[in-house]
Amino acid sequence: MPSPEVEVEVAGSACVTGWESNEETNAIVCQPESACPSQEKETVLIRYDVLCYSE
């Protein structure tokens, strides 16, 4: 099954790198050493397209 396009934004800034999608746990994992790690109480916005399948 294909993965949807995922966009991550931290405190209003787009994060193109520094994170990865973990399909097994259905989570976004941010790397602490990345250019845009999240800090306590910062908003993290994750956008993705919902995929619909019919049989």
PDB file of N, CA and C in Angstrom:
ATOM      1  N   MET A   1       0.851  -1.164   0.000  1.00  0.00           N
ATOM      2  CA  MET A   1       0.000   0.000   0.000  1.00  0.00           C
ATOM      3  C   MET A   1       0.907   1.240   0.000  1.00  0.00           C
ATOM      4  N   PRO A   2       0.650   2.235  -0.859  1.00  0.00           N
ATOM      5  CA  PRO A   2       1.493   3.425  -0.899  1.00  0.00           C
ATOM      6  C   PRO A   2       1.311   4.303   0.328  1.00  0.00           C
ATOM      7  N   SER A   3       2.359   5.056   0.676  1.00  0.00           N
ATOM      8  CA  SER A   3       2.289   5.986   1.795  1.00  0.00           C
ATOM      9  C   SER A   3       1.807   7.342   1.297  1.00  0.00           C
ATOM     10  N   PRO A   4       0.983   8.025   2.091  1.00  0.00           N
ATOM     11  CA  PRO A   4       0.555   9.363   1.685  1.00  0.00           C
ATOM     12  C   PRO A   4       1.697  10.360   1.829  1.00  0.00           C
ATOM     13  N   GLU A   5       1.606  11.449   1.094  1.00  0.00           N
ATOM     14  CA  GLU A   5       2.547  12.562   1.247  1.00  0.00           C
ATOM     15  C   GLU A   5       2.359  13.149   2.641  1.00  0.00           C
ATOM     16  N   VAL A   6       3.446  13.383   3.359  1.00  0.00           N
ATOM     17  CA  VAL A   6       3.369  13.915   4.716  1.00  0.00           C
ATOM     18  C   VAL A   6       4.166  15.214   4.777  1.00  0.00           C
ATOM     19  N   GLU A   7       3.582  16.243   5.413  1.00  0.00           N
ATOM     20  CA  GLU A   7       4.268  17.518   5.636  1.00  0.00           C
ATOM     21  C   GLU A   7       4.282  17.773   7.140  1.00  0.00           C
ATOM     22  N   VAL A   8       5.431  18.226   7.660  1.00  0.00           N
ATOM     23  CA  VAL A   8       5.570  18.510   9.083  1.00  0.00           C
ATOM     24  C   VAL A   8       5.948  19.989   9.242  1.00  0.00           C
ATOM     25  N   GLU A   9       5.295  20.635  10.205  1.00  0.00           N
ATOM     26  CA  GLU A   9       5.559  22.041  10.505  1.00  0.00           C
ATOM     27  C   GLU A   9       5.713  22.173  12.021  1.00  0.00           C
ATOM     28  N   VAL A  10       6.753  22.874  12.464  1.00  0.00           N
ATOM     29  CA  VAL A  10       6.977  23.098  13.898  1.00  0.00           C
ATOM     30  C   VAL A  10       6.985  24.602  14.140  1.00  0.00           C
ATOM     31  N   ALA A  11       6.100  25.063  15.011  1.00  0.00           N
ATOM     32  CA  ALA A  11       6.007  26.480  15.389  1.00  0.00           C
ATOM     33  C   ALA A  11       5.901  27.378  14.160  1.00  0.00           C
ATOM     34  N   GLY A  12       5.143  26.930  13.151  1.00  0.00           N
ATOM     35  CA  GLY A  12       4.908  27.734  11.960  1.00  0.00           C
ATOM     36  C   GLY A  12       5.959  27.618  10.881  1.00  0.00           C
ATOM     37  N   SER A  13       7.007  26.833  11.093  1.00  0.00           N
ATOM     38  CA  SER A  13       8.075  26.662  10.099  1.00  0.00           C
ATOM     39  C   SER A  13       8.038  25.252   9.522  1.00  0.00           C
ATOM     40  N   ALA A  14       8.096  25.177   8.190  1.00  0.00           N
ATOM     41  CA  ALA A  14       8.096  23.873   7.524  1.00  0.00           C
ATOM     42  C   ALA A  14       9.371  23.115   7.856  1.00  0.00           C
ATOM     43  N   CYS A  15       9.237  21.833   8.122  1.00  0.00           N
ATOM     44  CA  CYS A  15      10.374  20.954   8.404  1.00  0.00           C
ATOM     45  C   CYS A  15      10.458  19.926   7.278  1.00  0.00           C
ATOM     46  N   VAL A  16      11.347  20.192   6.337  1.00  0.00           N
ATOM     47  CA  VAL A  16      11.492  19.301   5.191  1.00  0.00           C
ATOM     48  C   VAL A  16      12.333  18.082   5.560  1.00  0.00           C
ATOM     49  N   THR A  17      13.301  18.280   6.458  1.00  0.00           N
ATOM     50  CA  THR A  17      14.158  17.181   6.910  1.00  0.00           C
ATOM     51  C   THR A  17      14.159  17.162   8.437  1.00  0.00           C
ATOM     52  N   GLY A  18      14.766  16.146   9.004  1.00  0.00           N
ATOM     53  CA  GLY A  18      14.889  16.072  10.456  1.00  0.00           C
ATOM     54  C   GLY A  18      13.796  15.270  11.130  1.00  0.00           C
ATOM     55  N   TRP A  19      13.011  14.570  10.333  1.00  0.00           N
ATOM     56  CA  TRP A  19      11.963  13.725  10.880  1.00  0.00           C
ATOM     57  C   TRP A  19      11.779  12.536   9.948  1.00  0.00           C
ATOM     58  N   GLU A  20      11.137  11.501  10.465  1.00  0.00           N
ATOM     59  CA  GLU A  20      10.801  10.345   9.632  1.00  0.00           C
ATOM     60  C   GLU A  20       9.450   9.800  10.055  1.00  0.00           C
ATOM     61  N   SER A  21       8.802   9.180   9.110  1.00  0.00           N
ATOM     62  CA  SER A  21       7.503   8.561   9.361  1.00  0.00           C
ATOM     63  C   SER A  21       7.729   7.098   9.719  1.00  0.00           C
ATOM     64  N   ASN A  22       7.183   6.660  10.851  1.00  0.00           N
ATOM     65  CA  ASN A  22       7.279   5.267  11.278  1.00  0.00           C
ATOM     66  C   ASN A  22       5.918   4.625  11.060  1.00  0.00           C
ATOM     67  N   GLU A  23       5.782   3.891   9.971  1.00  0.00           N
ATOM     68  CA  GLU A  23       4.495   3.282   9.631  1.00  0.00           C
ATOM     69  C   GLU A  23       4.083   2.205  10.627  1.00  0.00           C
ATOM     70  N   GLU A  24       5.048   1.520  11.220  1.00  0.00           N
ATOM     71  CA  GLU A  24       4.739   0.449  12.173  1.00  0.00           C
ATOM     72  C   GLU A  24       4.021   0.993  13.409  1.00  0.00           C
ATOM     73  N   THR A  25       4.469   2.154  13.905  1.00  0.00           N
ATOM     74  CA  THR A  25       3.853   2.737  15.095  1.00  0.00           C
ATOM     75  C   THR A  25       2.899   3.882  14.759  1.00  0.00           C
ATOM     76  N   ASN A  26       2.774   4.194  13.441  1.00  0.00           N
ATOM     77  CA  ASN A  26       1.910   5.286  12.976  1.00  0.00           C
ATOM     78  C   ASN A  26       2.296   6.602  13.665  1.00  0.00           C
ATOM     79  N   ALA A  27       3.606   6.906  13.622  1.00  0.00           N
ATOM     80  CA  ALA A  27       4.120   8.084  14.328  1.00  0.00           C
ATOM     81  C   ALA A  27       5.085   8.865  13.451  1.00  0.00           C
ATOM     82  N   ILE A  28       5.223  10.145  13.761  1.00  0.00           N
ATOM     83  CA  ILE A  28       6.268  10.987  13.188  1.00  0.00           C
ATOM     84  C   ILE A  28       7.346  11.105  14.254  1.00  0.00           C
ATOM     85  N   VAL A  29       8.577  10.760  13.906  1.00  0.00           N
ATOM     86  CA  VAL A  29       9.690  10.789  14.849  1.00  0.00           C
ATOM     87  C   VAL A  29      10.617  11.932  14.447  1.00  0.00           C
ATOM     88  N   CYS A  30      10.712  12.945  15.313  1.00  0.00           N
ATOM     89  CA  CYS A  30      11.584  14.099  15.061  1.00  0.00           C
ATOM     90  C   CYS A  30      12.963  13.821  15.631  1.00  0.00           C
ATOM     91  N   GLN A  31      13.977  14.179  14.860  1.00  0.00           N
ATOM     92  CA  GLN A  31      15.354  14.006  15.301  1.00  0.00           C
ATOM     93  C   GLN A  31      15.763  15.217  16.135  1.00  0.00           C
ATOM     94  N   PRO A  32      16.238  15.036  17.369  1.00  0.00           N
ATOM     95  CA  PRO A  32      16.581  16.161  18.238  1.00  0.00           C
ATOM     96  C   PRO A  32      17.684  17.056  17.670  1.00  0.00           C
ATOM     97  N   GLU A  33      18.569  16.516  16.845  1.00  0.00           N
ATOM     98  CA  GLU A  33      19.660  17.309  16.286  1.00  0.00           C
ATOM     99  C   GLU A  33      19.283  17.996  14.970  1.00  0.00           C
ATOM    100  N   SER A  34      18.023  17.904  14.560  1.00  0.00           N
ATOM    101  CA  SER A  34      17.597  18.486  13.288  1.00  0.00           C
ATOM    102  C   SER A  34      17.517  20.005  13.373  1.00  0.00           C
ATOM    103  N   ALA A  35      17.324  20.633  12.228  1.00  0.00           N
ATOM    104  CA  ALA A  35      17.246  22.097  12.153  1.00  0.00           C
ATOM    105  C   ALA A  35      15.978  22.642  12.785  1.00  0.00           C
ATOM    106  N   CYS A  36      14.961  21.827  12.946  1.00  0.00           N
ATOM    107  CA  CYS A  36      13.711  22.328  13.537  1.00  0.00           C
ATOM    108  C   CYS A  36      13.100  21.319  14.522  1.00  0.00           C
ATOM    109  N   PRO A  37      13.817  21.028  15.609  1.00  0.00           N
ATOM    110  CA  PRO A  37      13.226  20.145  16.616  1.00  0.00           C
ATOM    111  C   PRO A  37      12.136  20.885  17.386  1.00  0.00           C
ATOM    112  N   SER A  38      11.148  20.184  17.852  1.00  0.00           N
ATOM    113  CA  SER A  38      10.090  20.836  18.621  1.00  0.00           C
ATOM    114  C   SER A  38      10.531  21.015  20.069  1.00  0.00           C
ATOM    115  N   GLN A  39      10.110  22.115  20.636  1.00  0.00           N
ATOM    116  CA  GLN A  39      10.365  22.414  22.040  1.00  0.00           C
ATOM    117  C   GLN A  39       9.059  22.210  22.816  1.00  0.00           C
ATOM    118  N   GLU A  40       9.140  22.130  24.107  1.00  0.00           N
ATOM    119  CA  GLU A  40       7.954  21.961  24.941  1.00  0.00           C
ATOM    120  C   GLU A  40       6.941  23.067  24.643  1.00  0.00           C
ATOM    121  N   LYS A  41       5.692  22.690  24.487  1.00  0.00           N
ATOM    122  CA  LYS A  41       4.542  23.568  24.250  1.00  0.00           C
ATOM    123  C   LYS A  41       4.527  24.223  22.877  1.00  0.00           C
ATOM    124  N   GLU A  42       5.403  23.819  21.934  1.00  0.00           N
ATOM    125  CA  GLU A  42       5.335  24.321  20.569  1.00  0.00           C
ATOM    126  C   GLU A  42       4.320  23.488  19.792  1.00  0.00           C
ATOM    127  N   THR A  43       3.677  24.119  18.859  1.00  0.00           N
ATOM    128  CA  THR A  43       2.704  23.417  18.021  1.00  0.00           C
ATOM    129  C   THR A  43       3.420  22.661  16.914  1.00  0.00           C
ATOM    130  N   VAL A  44       3.075  21.394  16.767  1.00  0.00           N
ATOM    131  CA  VAL A  44       3.580  20.567  15.673  1.00  0.00           C
ATOM    132  C   VAL A  44       2.375  20.212  14.813  1.00  0.00           C
ATOM    133  N   LEU A  45       2.436  20.595  13.540  1.00  0.00           N
ATOM    134  CA  LEU A  45       1.336  20.355  12.610  1.00  0.00           C
ATOM    135  C   LEU A  45       1.776  19.313  11.603  1.00  0.00           C
ATOM    136  N   ILE A  46       0.962  18.287  11.424  1.00  0.00           N
ATOM    137  CA  ILE A  46       1.260  17.222  10.471  1.00  0.00           C
ATOM    138  C   ILE A  46       0.117  17.174   9.472  1.00  0.00           C
ATOM    139  N   ARG A  47       0.451  17.334   8.200  1.00  0.00           N
ATOM    140  CA  ARG A  47      -0.560  17.296   7.129  1.00  0.00           C
ATOM    141  C   ARG A  47      -0.302  16.079   6.260  1.00  0.00           C
ATOM    142  N   TYR A  48      -1.382  15.444   5.851  1.00  0.00           N
ATOM    143  CA  TYR A  48      -1.264  14.304   4.946  1.00  0.00           C
ATOM    144  C   TYR A  48      -2.589  14.101   4.238  1.00  0.00           C
ATOM    145  N   ASP A  49      -2.539  13.470   3.084  1.00  0.00           N
ATOM    146  CA  ASP A  49      -3.734  13.121   2.337  1.00  0.00           C
ATOM    147  C   ASP A  49      -4.254  11.790   2.833  1.00  0.00           C
ATOM    148  N   VAL A  50      -5.537  11.689   2.978  1.00  0.00           N
ATOM    149  CA  VAL A  50      -6.158  10.436   3.386  1.00  0.00           C
ATOM    150  C   VAL A  50      -6.377   9.601   2.136  1.00  0.00           C
ATOM    151  N   LEU A  51      -5.905   8.381   2.162  1.00  0.00           N
ATOM    152  CA  LEU A  51      -6.067   7.480   1.019  1.00  0.00           C
ATOM    153  C   LEU A  51      -7.308   6.622   1.220  1.00  0.00           C
ATOM    154  N   CYS A  52      -8.105   6.540   0.201  1.00  0.00           N
ATOM    155  CA  CYS A  52      -9.325   5.721   0.273  1.00  0.00           C
ATOM    156  C   CYS A  52      -9.222   4.602  -0.751  1.00  0.00           C
ATOM    157  N   TYR A  53      -9.527   3.411  -0.336  1.00  0.00           N
ATOM    158  CA  TYR A  53      -9.495   2.252  -1.210  1.00  0.00           C
ATOM    159  C   TYR A  53     -10.877   1.617  -1.239  1.00  0.00           C
ATOM    160  N   SER A  54     -11.266   1.160  -2.397  1.00  0.00           N
ATOM    161  CA  SER A  54     -12.523   0.414  -2.485  1.00  0.00           C
ATOM    162  C   SER A  54     -12.215  -0.940  -3.109  1.00  0.00           C
ATOM    163  N   GLU A  55     -13.014  -1.887  -2.745  1.00  0.00           N
ATOM    164  CA  GLU A  55     -12.787  -3.249  -3.259  1.00  0.00           C
ATOM    165  C   GLU A  55     -13.686  -3.512  -4.430  1.00  0.00           C
TER     166      GLU A  55
END
